[in-house]
């Protein structure tokens, strides 16, 4: 899978970003590869219904640990103001939720839910 973004720098301000090419492993376990976001040099995407993070400089790839998320199946994600927003389903009650994640201040590989809202499909 390759991802492409666009970058237009005018007077030192990035208006649109361009990632010329990024190759990620793309097997059947990559769920909805069009749902990704980039925050502070890390690409966040969903694979095997978990959020993974890839360092765009080094290529390092690892899972994002979400505190208090046991039993949740993660679906597409987005980013607003440096926070990840995810849609997820509780395996206990089969109810879908929208959640906002906040990163741990000392460990970027750990996040926790700070807000969530349930909804019915």
PDB file of N, CA and C in Angstrom:
ATOM      1  N   UNK A   1       0.855  -1.161   0.000  1.00  0.00           N
ATOM      2  CA  UNK A   1       0.000   0.000   0.000  1.00  0.00           C
ATOM      3  C   UNK A   1       0.898   1.218   0.000  1.00  0.00           C
ATOM      4  N   UNK A   2       0.619   2.192  -0.820  1.00  0.00           N
ATOM      5  CA  UNK A   2       1.345   3.458  -0.833  1.00  0.00           C
ATOM      6  C   UNK A   2       0.380   4.577  -0.509  1.00  0.00           C
ATOM      7  N   UNK A   3       0.849   5.536   0.268  1.00  0.00           N
ATOM      8  CA  UNK A   3       0.030   6.691   0.629  1.00  0.00           C
ATOM      9  C   UNK A   3       0.631   7.927  -0.008  1.00  0.00           C
ATOM     10  N   UNK A   4      -0.200   8.823  -0.492  1.00  0.00           N
ATOM     11  CA  UNK A   4       0.277  10.042  -1.122  1.00  0.00           C
ATOM     12  C   UNK A   4      -0.452  11.242  -0.537  1.00  0.00           C
ATOM     13  N   UNK A   5       0.281  12.252  -0.115  1.00  0.00           N
ATOM     14  CA  UNK A   5      -0.273  13.519   0.351  1.00  0.00           C
ATOM     15  C   UNK A   5       0.379  14.619  -0.474  1.00  0.00           C
ATOM     16  N   UNK A   6      -0.091  15.845  -0.377  1.00  0.00           N
ATOM     17  CA  UNK A   6       0.443  16.966  -1.154  1.00  0.00           C
ATOM     18  C   UNK A   6       0.960  18.067  -0.248  1.00  0.00           C
ATOM     19  N   UNK A   7       2.058  18.749  -0.566  1.00  0.00           N
ATOM     20  CA  UNK A   7       2.559  19.827   0.281  1.00  0.00           C
ATOM     21  C   UNK A   7       2.823  21.080  -0.538  1.00  0.00           C
ATOM     22  N   UNK A   8       2.263  22.188  -0.093  1.00  0.00           N
ATOM     23  CA  UNK A   8       2.458  23.484  -0.731  1.00  0.00           C
ATOM     24  C   UNK A   8       2.930  24.446   0.349  1.00  0.00           C
ATOM     25  N   UNK A   9       4.200  24.848   0.287  1.00  0.00           N
ATOM     26  CA  UNK A   9       4.735  25.741   1.318  1.00  0.00           C
ATOM     27  C   UNK A   9       4.796  27.148   0.754  1.00  0.00           C
ATOM     28  N   UNK A  10       4.056  28.056   1.393  1.00  0.00           N
ATOM     29  CA  UNK A  10       4.027  29.447   0.992  1.00  0.00           C
ATOM     30  C   UNK A  10       4.431  30.297   2.187  1.00  0.00           C
ATOM     31  N   UNK A  11       5.462  31.089   2.053  1.00  0.00           N
ATOM     32  CA  UNK A  11       5.943  31.976   3.120  1.00  0.00           C
ATOM     33  C   UNK A  11       6.178  31.201   4.420  1.00  0.00           C
ATOM     34  N   UNK A  12       6.753  29.996   4.295  1.00  0.00           N
ATOM     35  CA  UNK A  12       7.094  29.217   5.475  1.00  0.00           C
ATOM     36  C   UNK A  12       5.934  28.511   6.141  1.00  0.00           C
ATOM     37  N   UNK A  13       4.753  28.599   5.572  1.00  0.00           N
ATOM     38  CA  UNK A  13       3.595  27.936   6.166  1.00  0.00           C
ATOM     39  C   UNK A  13       3.199  26.741   5.296  1.00  0.00           C
ATOM     40  N   UNK A  14       3.025  25.616   5.928  1.00  0.00           N
ATOM     41  CA  UNK A  14       2.580  24.427   5.196  1.00  0.00           C
ATOM     42  C   UNK A  14       1.069  24.489   5.053  1.00  0.00           C
ATOM     43  N   UNK A  15       0.602  24.660   3.843  1.00  0.00           N
ATOM     44  CA  UNK A  15      -0.838  24.707   3.594  1.00  0.00           C
ATOM     45  C   UNK A  15      -1.372  23.306   3.336  1.00  0.00           C
ATOM     46  N   UNK A  16      -0.640  22.562   2.536  1.00  0.00           N
ATOM     47  CA  UNK A  16      -1.024  21.188   2.223  1.00  0.00           C
ATOM     48  C   UNK A  16       0.239  20.343   2.300  1.00  0.00           C
ATOM     49  N   UNK A  17       0.165  19.200   2.941  1.00  0.00           N
ATOM     50  CA  UNK A  17       1.336  18.341   3.084  1.00  0.00           C
ATOM     51  C   UNK A  17       1.367  17.283   1.997  1.00  0.00           C
ATOM     52  N   UNK A  18       2.576  16.919   1.582  1.00  0.00           N
ATOM     53  CA  UNK A  18       2.720  15.852   0.598  1.00  0.00           C
ATOM     54  C   UNK A  18       3.711  14.816   1.111  1.00  0.00           C
ATOM     55  N   UNK A  19       3.252  13.624   1.201  1.00  0.00           N
ATOM     56  CA  UNK A  19       4.110  12.489   1.489  1.00  0.00           C
ATOM     57  C   UNK A  19       4.264  11.799   0.148  1.00  0.00           C
ATOM     58  N   UNK A  20       5.451  11.910  -0.454  1.00  0.00           N
ATOM     59  CA  UNK A  20       5.593  11.450  -1.831  1.00  0.00           C
ATOM     60  C   UNK A  20       5.311   9.966  -1.989  1.00  0.00           C
ATOM     61  N   UNK A  21       5.844   9.153  -1.093  1.00  0.00           N
ATOM     62  CA  UNK A  21       5.527   7.734  -1.174  1.00  0.00           C
ATOM     63  C   UNK A  21       5.859   7.086   0.162  1.00  0.00           C
ATOM     64  N   UNK A  22       4.981   6.247   0.613  1.00  0.00           N
ATOM     65  CA  UNK A  22       5.203   5.471   1.826  1.00  0.00           C
ATOM     66  C   UNK A  22       4.648   4.086   1.582  1.00  0.00           C
ATOM     67  N   UNK A  23       5.513   3.094   1.644  1.00  0.00           N
ATOM     68  CA  UNK A  23       5.070   1.718   1.447  1.00  0.00           C
ATOM     69  C   UNK A  23       4.858   1.061   2.800  1.00  0.00           C
ATOM     70  N   UNK A  24       3.665   0.547   3.007  1.00  0.00           N
ATOM     71  CA  UNK A  24       3.320  -0.181   4.222  1.00  0.00           C
ATOM     72  C   UNK A  24       2.970  -1.605   3.844  1.00  0.00           C
ATOM     73  N   UNK A  25       3.201  -2.546   4.769  1.00  0.00           N
ATOM     74  CA  UNK A  25       2.748  -3.898   4.466  1.00  0.00           C
ATOM     75  C   UNK A  25       1.241  -3.898   4.276  1.00  0.00           C
ATOM     76  N   UNK A  26       0.774  -4.460   3.193  1.00  0.00           N
ATOM     77  CA  UNK A  26      -0.665  -4.455   2.925  1.00  0.00           C
ATOM     78  C   UNK A  26      -1.132  -5.883   2.697  1.00  0.00           C
ATOM     79  N   UNK A  27      -1.626  -6.455   3.757  1.00  0.00           N
ATOM     80  CA  UNK A  27      -2.176  -7.795   3.681  1.00  0.00           C
ATOM     81  C   UNK A  27      -3.658  -7.681   3.964  1.00  0.00           C
ATOM     82  N   UNK A  28      -4.352  -8.800   3.984  1.00  0.00           N
ATOM     83  CA  UNK A  28      -5.787  -8.735   4.248  1.00  0.00           C
ATOM     84  C   UNK A  28      -6.098  -8.260   5.659  1.00  0.00           C
ATOM     85  N   UNK A  29      -5.085  -8.239   6.561  1.00  0.00           N
ATOM     86  CA  UNK A  29      -5.332  -7.776   7.924  1.00  0.00           C
ATOM     87  C   UNK A  29      -5.362  -6.253   8.041  1.00  0.00           C
ATOM     88  N   UNK A  30      -4.967  -5.526   6.990  1.00  0.00           N
ATOM     89  CA  UNK A  30      -5.045  -4.064   7.038  1.00  0.00           C
ATOM     90  C   UNK A  30      -6.481  -3.678   6.757  1.00  0.00           C
ATOM     91  N   UNK A  31      -7.129  -3.126   7.776  1.00  0.00           N
ATOM     92  CA  UNK A  31      -8.555  -2.840   7.709  1.00  0.00           C
ATOM     93  C   UNK A  31      -8.762  -1.391   7.319  1.00  0.00           C
ATOM     94  N   UNK A  32      -9.419  -1.149   6.211  1.00  0.00           N
ATOM     95  CA  UNK A  32      -9.693   0.182   5.693  1.00  0.00           C
ATOM     96  C   UNK A  32      -8.422   1.024   5.606  1.00  0.00           C
ATOM     97  N   UNK A  33      -7.516   0.708   4.659  1.00  0.00           N
ATOM     98  CA  UNK A  33      -6.243   1.412   4.584  1.00  0.00           C
ATOM     99  C   UNK A  33      -6.364   2.888   4.232  1.00  0.00           C
ATOM    100  N   UNK A  34      -7.547   3.370   3.880  1.00  0.00           N
ATOM    101  CA  UNK A  34      -7.688   4.792   3.577  1.00  0.00           C
ATOM    102  C   UNK A  34      -7.851   5.628   4.835  1.00  0.00           C
ATOM    103  N   UNK A  35      -8.074   5.002   5.986  1.00  0.00           N
ATOM    104  CA  UNK A  35      -8.259   5.737   7.238  1.00  0.00           C
ATOM    105  C   UNK A  35      -6.931   5.808   7.974  1.00  0.00           C
ATOM    106  N   UNK A  36      -6.281   6.957   7.889  1.00  0.00           N
ATOM    107  CA  UNK A  36      -5.016   7.149   8.574  1.00  0.00           C
ATOM    108  C   UNK A  36      -4.891   8.619   8.937  1.00  0.00           C
ATOM    109  N   UNK A  37      -3.952   8.920   9.816  1.00  0.00           N
ATOM    110  CA  UNK A  37      -3.669  10.305  10.158  1.00  0.00           C
ATOM    111  C   UNK A  37      -2.195  10.424  10.508  1.00  0.00           C
ATOM    112  N   UNK A  38      -1.625  11.612  10.347  1.00  0.00           N
ATOM    113  CA  UNK A  38      -0.228  11.872  10.675  1.00  0.00           C
ATOM    114  C   UNK A  38      -0.184  12.927  11.766  1.00  0.00           C
ATOM    115  N   UNK A  39       0.516  12.614  12.868  1.00  0.00           N
ATOM    116  CA  UNK A  39       0.688  13.553  13.976  1.00  0.00           C
ATOM    117  C   UNK A  39       2.152  13.523  14.386  1.00  0.00           C
ATOM    118  N   UNK A  40       2.795  14.677  14.379  1.00  0.00           N
ATOM    119  CA  UNK A  40       4.178  14.818  14.855  1.00  0.00           C
ATOM    120  C   UNK A  40       5.128  13.772  14.275  1.00  0.00           C
ATOM    121  N   UNK A  41       5.051  13.550  12.977  1.00  0.00           N
ATOM    122  CA  UNK A  41       5.973  12.639  12.317  1.00  0.00           C
ATOM    123  C   UNK A  41       5.631  11.164  12.428  1.00  0.00           C
ATOM    124  N   UNK A  42       4.489  10.856  13.018  1.00  0.00           N
ATOM    125  CA  UNK A  42       4.034   9.470  13.131  1.00  0.00           C
ATOM    126  C   UNK A  42       2.776   9.284  12.295  1.00  0.00           C
ATOM    127  N   UNK A  43       2.740   8.200  11.525  1.00  0.00           N
ATOM    128  CA  UNK A  43       1.562   7.819  10.761  1.00  0.00           C
ATOM    129  C   UNK A  43       0.782   6.822  11.607  1.00  0.00           C
ATOM    130  N   UNK A  44      -0.488   7.117  11.879  1.00  0.00           N
ATOM    131  CA  UNK A  44      -1.358   6.222  12.643  1.00  0.00           C
ATOM    132  C   UNK A  44      -2.349   5.591  11.674  1.00  0.00           C
ATOM    133  N   UNK A  45      -2.480   4.278  11.733  1.00  0.00           N
ATOM    134  CA  UNK A  45      -3.402   3.567  10.850  1.00  0.00           C
ATOM    135  C   UNK A  45      -3.955   2.355  11.595  1.00  0.00           C
ATOM    136  N   UNK A  46      -4.981   1.728  11.047  1.00  0.00           N
ATOM    137  CA  UNK A  46      -5.618   0.585  11.690  1.00  0.00           C
ATOM    138  C   UNK A  46      -5.235  -0.694  10.947  1.00  0.00           C
ATOM    139  N   UNK A  47      -4.761  -1.682  11.699  1.00  0.00           N
ATOM    140  CA  UNK A  47      -4.428  -2.991  11.151  1.00  0.00           C
ATOM    141  C   UNK A  47      -4.868  -4.039  12.166  1.00  0.00           C
ATOM    142  N   UNK A  48      -5.534  -5.077  11.701  1.00  0.00           N
ATOM    143  CA  UNK A  48      -6.081  -6.092  12.608  1.00  0.00           C
ATOM    144  C   UNK A  48      -6.915  -5.451  13.711  1.00  0.00           C
ATOM    145  N   UNK A  49      -7.609  -4.396  13.359  1.00  0.00           N
ATOM    146  CA  UNK A  49      -8.499  -3.665  14.272  1.00  0.00           C
ATOM    147  C   UNK A  49      -7.789  -3.135  15.509  1.00  0.00           C
ATOM    148  N   UNK A  50      -6.510  -2.812  15.346  1.00  0.00           N
ATOM    149  CA  UNK A  50      -5.778  -2.102  16.384  1.00  0.00           C
ATOM    150  C   UNK A  50      -5.085  -0.919  15.721  1.00  0.00           C
ATOM    151  N   UNK A  51      -4.821   0.116  16.484  1.00  0.00           N
ATOM    152  CA  UNK A  51      -4.122   1.273  15.938  1.00  0.00           C
ATOM    153  C   UNK A  51      -2.629   0.993  15.983  1.00  0.00           C
ATOM    154  N   UNK A  52      -1.984   1.195  14.849  1.00  0.00           N
ATOM    155  CA  UNK A  52      -0.536   1.052  14.755  1.00  0.00           C
ATOM    156  C   UNK A  52       0.051   2.409  14.428  1.00  0.00           C
ATOM    157  N   UNK A  53       1.314   2.583  14.763  1.00  0.00           N
ATOM    158  CA  UNK A  53       1.996   3.844  14.495  1.00  0.00           C
ATOM    159  C   UNK A  53       3.325   3.559  13.801  1.00  0.00           C
ATOM    160  N   UNK A  54       3.608   4.356  12.761  1.00  0.00           N
ATOM    161  CA  UNK A  54       4.847   4.196  11.996  1.00  0.00           C
ATOM    162  C   UNK A  54       5.570   5.530  11.967  1.00  0.00           C
ATOM    163  N   UNK A  55       6.835   5.516  12.393  1.00  0.00           N
ATOM    164  CA  UNK A  55       7.668   6.713  12.359  1.00  0.00           C
ATOM    165  C   UNK A  55       8.033   6.990  10.907  1.00  0.00           C
ATOM    166  N   UNK A  56       7.682   8.164  10.408  1.00  0.00           N
ATOM    167  CA  UNK A  56       7.908   8.472   8.999  1.00  0.00           C
ATOM    168  C   UNK A  56       9.378   8.674   8.675  1.00  0.00           C
ATOM    169  N   UNK A  57      10.215   8.977   9.676  1.00  0.00           N
ATOM    170  CA  UNK A  57      11.648   9.151   9.437  1.00  0.00           C
ATOM    171  C   UNK A  57      12.404   7.833   9.446  1.00  0.00           C
ATOM    172  N   UNK A  58      12.083   6.971  10.396  1.00  0.00           N
ATOM    173  CA  UNK A  58      12.858   5.742  10.583  1.00  0.00           C
ATOM    174  C   UNK A  58      12.181   4.490  10.044  1.00  0.00           C
ATOM    175  N   UNK A  59      10.868   4.533   9.840  1.00  0.00           N
ATOM    176  CA  UNK A  59      10.135   3.354   9.398  1.00  0.00           C
ATOM    177  C   UNK A  59       9.748   2.422  10.533  1.00  0.00           C
ATOM    178  N   UNK A  60      10.117   2.789  11.774  1.00  0.00           N
ATOM    179  CA  UNK A  60       9.747   1.966  12.928  1.00  0.00           C
ATOM    180  C   UNK A  60       8.230   1.845  12.996  1.00  0.00           C
ATOM    181  N   UNK A  61       7.735   0.638  13.224  1.00  0.00           N
ATOM    182  CA  UNK A  61       6.298   0.381  13.258  1.00  0.00           C
ATOM    183  C   UNK A  61       5.963  -0.379  14.534  1.00  0.00           C
ATOM    184  N   UNK A  62       4.964   0.111  15.284  1.00  0.00           N
ATOM    185  CA  UNK A  62       4.585  -0.544  16.542  1.00  0.00           C
ATOM    186  C   UNK A  62       3.133  -0.238  16.855  1.00  0.00           C
ATOM    187  N   UNK A  63       2.531  -1.023  17.751  1.00  0.00           N
ATOM    188  CA  UNK A  63       1.135  -0.766  18.124  1.00  0.00           C
ATOM    189  C   UNK A  63       1.024   0.404  19.088  1.00  0.00           C
ATOM    190  N   UNK A  64      -0.098   1.109  19.035  1.00  0.00           N
ATOM    191  CA  UNK A  64      -0.408   2.148  20.012  1.00  0.00           C
ATOM    192  C   UNK A  64      -1.152   1.474  21.151  1.00  0.00           C
ATOM    193  N   UNK A  65      -0.639   1.602  22.358  1.00  0.00           N
ATOM    194  CA  UNK A  65      -1.300   1.016  23.524  1.00  0.00           C
ATOM    195  C   UNK A  65      -2.383   1.975  24.006  1.00  0.00           C
ATOM    196  N   UNK A  66      -3.615   1.480  24.102  1.00  0.00           N
ATOM    197  CA  UNK A  66      -4.728   2.304  24.571  1.00  0.00           C
ATOM    198  C   UNK A  66      -5.131   1.804  25.949  1.00  0.00           C
ATOM    199  N   UNK A  67      -4.912   2.628  26.957  1.00  0.00           N
ATOM    200  CA  UNK A  67      -5.244   2.252  28.336  1.00  0.00           C
ATOM    201  C   UNK A  67      -6.756   2.111  28.488  1.00  0.00           C
ATOM    202  N   UNK A  68      -7.175   1.043  29.151  1.00  0.00           N
ATOM    203  CA  UNK A  68      -8.594   0.832  29.422  1.00  0.00           C
ATOM    204  C   UNK A  68      -9.409   0.411  28.222  1.00  0.00           C
ATOM    205  N   UNK A  69      -8.780  -0.193  27.220  1.00  0.00           N
ATOM    206  CA  UNK A  69      -9.523  -0.539  26.004  1.00  0.00           C
ATOM    207  C   UNK A  69      -9.692  -2.038  25.821  1.00  0.00           C
ATOM    208  N   UNK A  70      -9.569  -2.808  26.871  1.00  0.00           N
ATOM    209  CA  UNK A  70      -9.699  -4.261  26.742  1.00  0.00           C
ATOM    210  C   UNK A  70     -11.058  -4.620  26.158  1.00  0.00           C
ATOM    211  N   UNK A  71     -11.046  -5.454  25.143  1.00  0.00           N
ATOM    212  CA  UNK A  71     -12.291  -5.904  24.541  1.00  0.00           C
ATOM    213  C   UNK A  71     -12.841  -5.000  23.459  1.00  0.00           C
ATOM    214  N   UNK A  72     -12.139  -3.918  23.107  1.00  0.00           N
ATOM    215  CA  UNK A  72     -12.621  -3.006  22.075  1.00  0.00           C
ATOM    216  C   UNK A  72     -12.033  -3.385  20.724  1.00  0.00           C
ATOM    217  N   UNK A  73     -12.851  -3.309  19.697  1.00  0.00           N
ATOM    218  CA  UNK A  73     -12.401  -3.496  18.327  1.00  0.00           C
ATOM    219  C   UNK A  73     -12.354  -2.126  17.676  1.00  0.00           C
ATOM    220  N   UNK A  74     -11.174  -1.683  17.277  1.00  0.00           N
ATOM    221  CA  UNK A  74     -11.005  -0.332  16.749  1.00  0.00           C
ATOM    222  C   UNK A  74     -11.316  -0.306  15.265  1.00  0.00           C
ATOM    223  N   UNK A  75     -11.994   0.744  14.843  1.00  0.00           N
ATOM    224  CA  UNK A  75     -12.350   0.964  13.444  1.00  0.00           C
ATOM    225  C   UNK A  75     -11.664   2.251  12.968  1.00  0.00           C
ATOM    226  N   UNK A  76     -12.087   2.873  11.857  1.00  0.00           N
ATOM    227  CA  UNK A  76     -11.384   4.031  11.312  1.00  0.00           C
ATOM    228  C   UNK A  76     -11.118   5.142  12.324  1.00  0.00           C
ATOM    229  N   UNK A  77     -10.078   5.924  12.025  1.00  0.00           N
ATOM    230  CA  UNK A  77      -9.663   6.985  12.928  1.00  0.00           C
ATOM    231  C   UNK A  77      -9.447   8.280  12.170  1.00  0.00           C
ATOM    232  N   UNK A  78      -9.378   9.376  12.921  1.00  0.00           N
ATOM    233  CA  UNK A  78      -9.072  10.692  12.367  1.00  0.00           C
ATOM    234  C   UNK A  78      -8.356  11.477  13.445  1.00  0.00           C
ATOM    235  N   UNK A  79      -7.890  12.670  13.103  1.00  0.00           N
ATOM    236  CA  UNK A  79      -7.169  13.488  14.072  1.00  0.00           C
ATOM    237  C   UNK A  79      -7.714  14.905  14.067  1.00  0.00           C
ATOM    238  N   UNK A  80      -7.905  15.456  15.268  1.00  0.00           N
ATOM    239  CA  UNK A  80      -8.311  16.850  15.431  1.00  0.00           C
ATOM    240  C   UNK A  80      -7.477  17.429  16.564  1.00  0.00           C
ATOM    241  N   UNK A  81      -6.799  18.544  16.313  1.00  0.00           N
ATOM    242  CA  UNK A  81      -5.989  19.222  17.330  1.00  0.00           C
ATOM    243  C   UNK A  81      -4.999  18.289  18.021  1.00  0.00           C
ATOM    244  N   UNK A  82      -4.359  17.417  17.265  1.00  0.00           N
ATOM    245  CA  UNK A  82      -3.336  16.545  17.817  1.00  0.00           C
ATOM    246  C   UNK A  82      -3.849  15.369  18.617  1.00  0.00           C
ATOM    247  N   UNK A  83      -5.147  15.159  18.620  1.00  0.00           N
ATOM    248  CA  UNK A  83      -5.725  14.012  19.324  1.00  0.00           C
ATOM    249  C   UNK A  83      -6.342  13.064  18.300  1.00  0.00           C
ATOM    250  N   UNK A  84      -6.264  11.779  18.610  1.00  0.00           N
ATOM    251  CA  UNK A  84      -6.875  10.779  17.739  1.00  0.00           C
ATOM    252  C   UNK A  84      -8.328  10.588  18.112  1.00  0.00           C
ATOM    253  N   UNK A  85      -9.167  10.497  17.116  1.00  0.00           N
ATOM    254  CA  UNK A  85     -10.581  10.187  17.302  1.00  0.00           C
ATOM    255  C   UNK A  85     -10.836   8.862  16.609  1.00  0.00           C
ATOM    256  N   UNK A  86     -11.456   7.933  17.325  1.00  0.00           N
ATOM    257  CA  UNK A  86     -11.669   6.597  16.777  1.00  0.00           C
ATOM    258  C   UNK A  86     -13.119   6.179  16.927  1.00  0.00           C
ATOM    259  N   UNK A  87     -13.540   5.301  16.040  1.00  0.00           N
ATOM    260  CA  UNK A  87     -14.829   4.632  16.190  1.00  0.00           C
ATOM    261  C   UNK A  87     -14.494   3.219  16.617  1.00  0.00           C
ATOM    262  N   UNK A  88     -15.119   2.739  17.669  1.00  0.00           N
ATOM    263  CA  UNK A  88     -14.786   1.414  18.169  1.00  0.00           C
ATOM    264  C   UNK A  88     -16.024   0.721  18.697  1.00  0.00           C
ATOM    265  N   UNK A  89     -15.929  -0.582  18.810  1.00  0.00           N
ATOM    266  CA  UNK A  89     -17.044  -1.401  19.270  1.00  0.00           C
ATOM    267  C   UNK A  89     -16.609  -2.187  20.493  1.00  0.00           C
ATOM    268  N   UNK A  90     -17.454  -2.201  21.504  1.00  0.00           N
ATOM    269  CA  UNK A  90     -17.197  -3.008  22.689  1.00  0.00           C
ATOM    270  C   UNK A  90     -17.598  -4.441  22.388  1.00  0.00           C
ATOM    271  N   UNK A  91     -16.691  -5.364  22.616  1.00  0.00           N
ATOM    272  CA  UNK A  91     -17.018  -6.771  22.369  1.00  0.00           C
ATOM    273  C   UNK A  91     -17.947  -7.327  23.443  1.00  0.00           C
ATOM    274  N   UNK A  92     -18.151  -6.562  24.509  1.00  0.00           N
ATOM    275  CA  UNK A  92     -19.028  -7.014  25.589  1.00  0.00           C
ATOM    276  C   UNK A  92     -20.502  -6.758  25.284  1.00  0.00           C
ATOM    277  N   UNK A  93     -20.815  -5.601  24.717  1.00  0.00           N
ATOM    278  CA  UNK A  93     -22.225  -5.259  24.505  1.00  0.00           C
ATOM    279  C   UNK A  93     -22.568  -4.956  23.049  1.00  0.00           C
ATOM    280  N   UNK A  94     -21.614  -5.095  22.139  1.00  0.00           N
ATOM    281  CA  UNK A  94     -21.823  -4.837  20.708  1.00  0.00           C
ATOM    282  C   UNK A  94     -22.368  -3.441  20.424  1.00  0.00           C
ATOM    283  N   UNK A  95     -22.047  -2.472  21.254  1.00  0.00           N
ATOM    284  CA  UNK A  95     -22.439  -1.082  21.020  1.00  0.00           C
ATOM    285  C   UNK A  95     -21.238  -0.336  20.454  1.00  0.00           C
ATOM    286  N   UNK A  96     -21.487   0.498  19.431  1.00  0.00           N
ATOM    287  CA  UNK A  96     -20.430   1.310  18.831  1.00  0.00           C
ATOM    288  C   UNK A  96     -20.283   2.614  19.599  1.00  0.00           C
ATOM    289  N   UNK A  97     -19.045   3.096  19.655  1.00  0.00           N
ATOM    290  CA  UNK A  97     -18.713   4.338  20.354  1.00  0.00           C
ATOM    291  C   UNK A  97     -17.838   5.206  19.466  1.00  0.00           C
ATOM    292  N   UNK A  98     -17.887   6.505  19.694  1.00  0.00           N
ATOM    293  CA  UNK A  98     -16.898   7.440  19.170  1.00  0.00           C
ATOM    294  C   UNK A  98     -16.053   7.846  20.362  1.00  0.00           C
ATOM    295  N   UNK A  99     -14.749   7.816  20.211  1.00  0.00           N
ATOM    296  CA  UNK A  99     -13.883   8.140  21.331  1.00  0.00           C
ATOM    297  C   UNK A  99     -12.769   9.083  20.934  1.00  0.00           C
ATOM    298  N   UNK A 100     -12.342   9.902  21.885  1.00  0.00           N
ATOM    299  CA  UNK A 100     -11.210  10.799  21.686  1.00  0.00           C
ATOM    300  C   UNK A 100     -10.070  10.307  22.565  1.00  0.00           C
ATOM    301  N   UNK A 101      -8.894  10.144  21.965  1.00  0.00           N
ATOM    302  CA  UNK A 101      -7.725   9.655  22.685  1.00  0.00           C
ATOM    303  C   UNK A 101      -6.763  10.799  22.967  1.00  0.00           C
ATOM    304  N   UNK A 102      -6.141  10.751  24.124  1.00  0.00           N
ATOM    305  CA  UNK A 102      -5.109  11.720  24.487  1.00  0.00           C
ATOM    306  C   UNK A 102      -3.826  10.939  24.737  1.00  0.00           C
ATOM    307  N   UNK A 103      -2.719  11.427  24.181  1.00  0.00           N
ATOM    308  CA  UNK A 103      -1.442  10.747  24.347  1.00  0.00           C
ATOM    309  C   UNK A 103      -0.876  10.991  25.734  1.00  0.00           C
ATOM    310  N   UNK A 104      -0.171   9.991  26.263  1.00  0.00           N
ATOM    311  CA  UNK A 104       0.558  10.126  27.515  1.00  0.00           C
ATOM    312  C   UNK A 104       1.670  11.156  27.294  1.00  0.00           C
ATOM    313  N   UNK A 105       1.857  12.066  28.237  1.00  0.00           N
ATOM    314  CA  UNK A 105       2.837  13.144  28.083  1.00  0.00           C
ATOM    315  C   UNK A 105       4.272  12.625  28.018  1.00  0.00           C
ATOM    316  N   UNK A 106       4.550  11.482  28.615  1.00  0.00           N
ATOM    317  CA  UNK A 106       5.915  10.967  28.652  1.00  0.00           C
ATOM    318  C   UNK A 106       6.162   9.818  27.687  1.00  0.00           C
ATOM    319  N   UNK A 107       5.100   9.237  27.131  1.00  0.00           N
ATOM    320  CA  UNK A 107       5.255   8.088  26.245  1.00  0.00           C
ATOM    321  C   UNK A 107       4.244   8.177  25.110  1.00  0.00           C
ATOM    322  N   UNK A 108       4.711   8.558  23.941  1.00  0.00           N
ATOM    323  CA  UNK A 108       3.849   8.763  22.776  1.00  0.00           C
ATOM    324  C   UNK A 108       3.195   7.463  22.297  1.00  0.00           C
ATOM    325  N   UNK A 109       3.684   6.327  22.788  1.00  0.00           N
ATOM    326  CA  UNK A 109       3.151   5.033  22.367  1.00  0.00           C
ATOM    327  C   UNK A 109       1.945   4.618  23.206  1.00  0.00           C
ATOM    328  N   UNK A 110       1.554   5.443  24.178  1.00  0.00           N
ATOM    329  CA  UNK A 110       0.437   5.126  25.070  1.00  0.00           C
ATOM    330  C   UNK A 110      -0.594   6.248  24.999  1.00  0.00           C
ATOM    331  N   UNK A 111      -1.867   5.880  24.909  1.00  0.00           N
ATOM    332  CA  UNK A 111      -2.956   6.867  24.899  1.00  0.00           C
ATOM    333  C   UNK A 111      -4.085   6.344  25.778  1.00  0.00           C
ATOM    334  N   UNK A 112      -4.997   7.236  26.127  1.00  0.00           N
ATOM    335  CA  UNK A 112      -6.161   6.831  26.921  1.00  0.00           C
ATOM    336  C   UNK A 112      -7.373   7.589  26.411  1.00  0.00           C
ATOM    337  N   UNK A 113      -8.548   7.017  26.628  1.00  0.00           N
ATOM    338  CA  UNK A 113      -9.780   7.687  26.241  1.00  0.00           C
ATOM    339  C   UNK A 113     -10.063   8.823  27.217  1.00  0.00           C
ATOM    340  N   UNK A 114     -10.335  10.015  26.689  1.00  0.00           N
ATOM    341  CA  UNK A 114     -10.719  11.131  27.558  1.00  0.00           C
ATOM    342  C   UNK A 114     -12.179  11.505  27.359  1.00  0.00           C
ATOM    343  N   UNK A 115     -12.759  11.006  26.271  1.00  0.00           N
ATOM    344  CA  UNK A 115     -14.170  11.275  26.012  1.00  0.00           C
ATOM    345  C   UNK A 115     -14.694  10.193  25.090  1.00  0.00           C
ATOM    346  N   UNK A 116     -15.920   9.766  25.341  1.00  0.00           N
ATOM    347  CA  UNK A 116     -16.539   8.789  24.444  1.00  0.00           C
ATOM    348  C   UNK A 116     -18.044   8.982  24.421  1.00  0.00           C
ATOM    349  N   UNK A 117     -18.640   8.621  23.301  1.00  0.00           N
ATOM    350  CA  UNK A 117     -20.080   8.759  23.102  1.00  0.00           C
ATOM    351  C   UNK A 117     -20.572   7.510  22.398  1.00  0.00           C
ATOM    352  N   UNK A 118     -21.602   6.870  22.930  1.00  0.00           N
ATOM    353  CA  UNK A 118     -22.122   5.662  22.295  1.00  0.00           C
ATOM    354  C   UNK A 118     -23.179   6.025  21.261  1.00  0.00           C
ATOM    355  N   UNK A 119     -23.372   5.151  20.293  1.00  0.00           N
ATOM    356  CA  UNK A 119     -24.428   5.318  19.299  1.00  0.00           C
ATOM    357  C   UNK A 119     -24.804   3.948  18.761  1.00  0.00           C
ATOM    358  N   UNK A 120     -25.982   3.849  18.217  1.00  0.00           N
ATOM    359  CA  UNK A 120     -26.461   2.602  17.622  1.00  0.00           C
ATOM    360  C   UNK A 120     -26.221   2.658  16.127  1.00  0.00           C
ATOM    361  N   UNK A 121     -25.868   1.531  15.527  1.00  0.00           N
ATOM    362  CA  UNK A 121     -25.694   1.479  14.063  1.00  0.00           C
ATOM    363  C   UNK A 121     -27.029   1.556  13.377  1.00  0.00           C
TER     364      UNK A 121
END
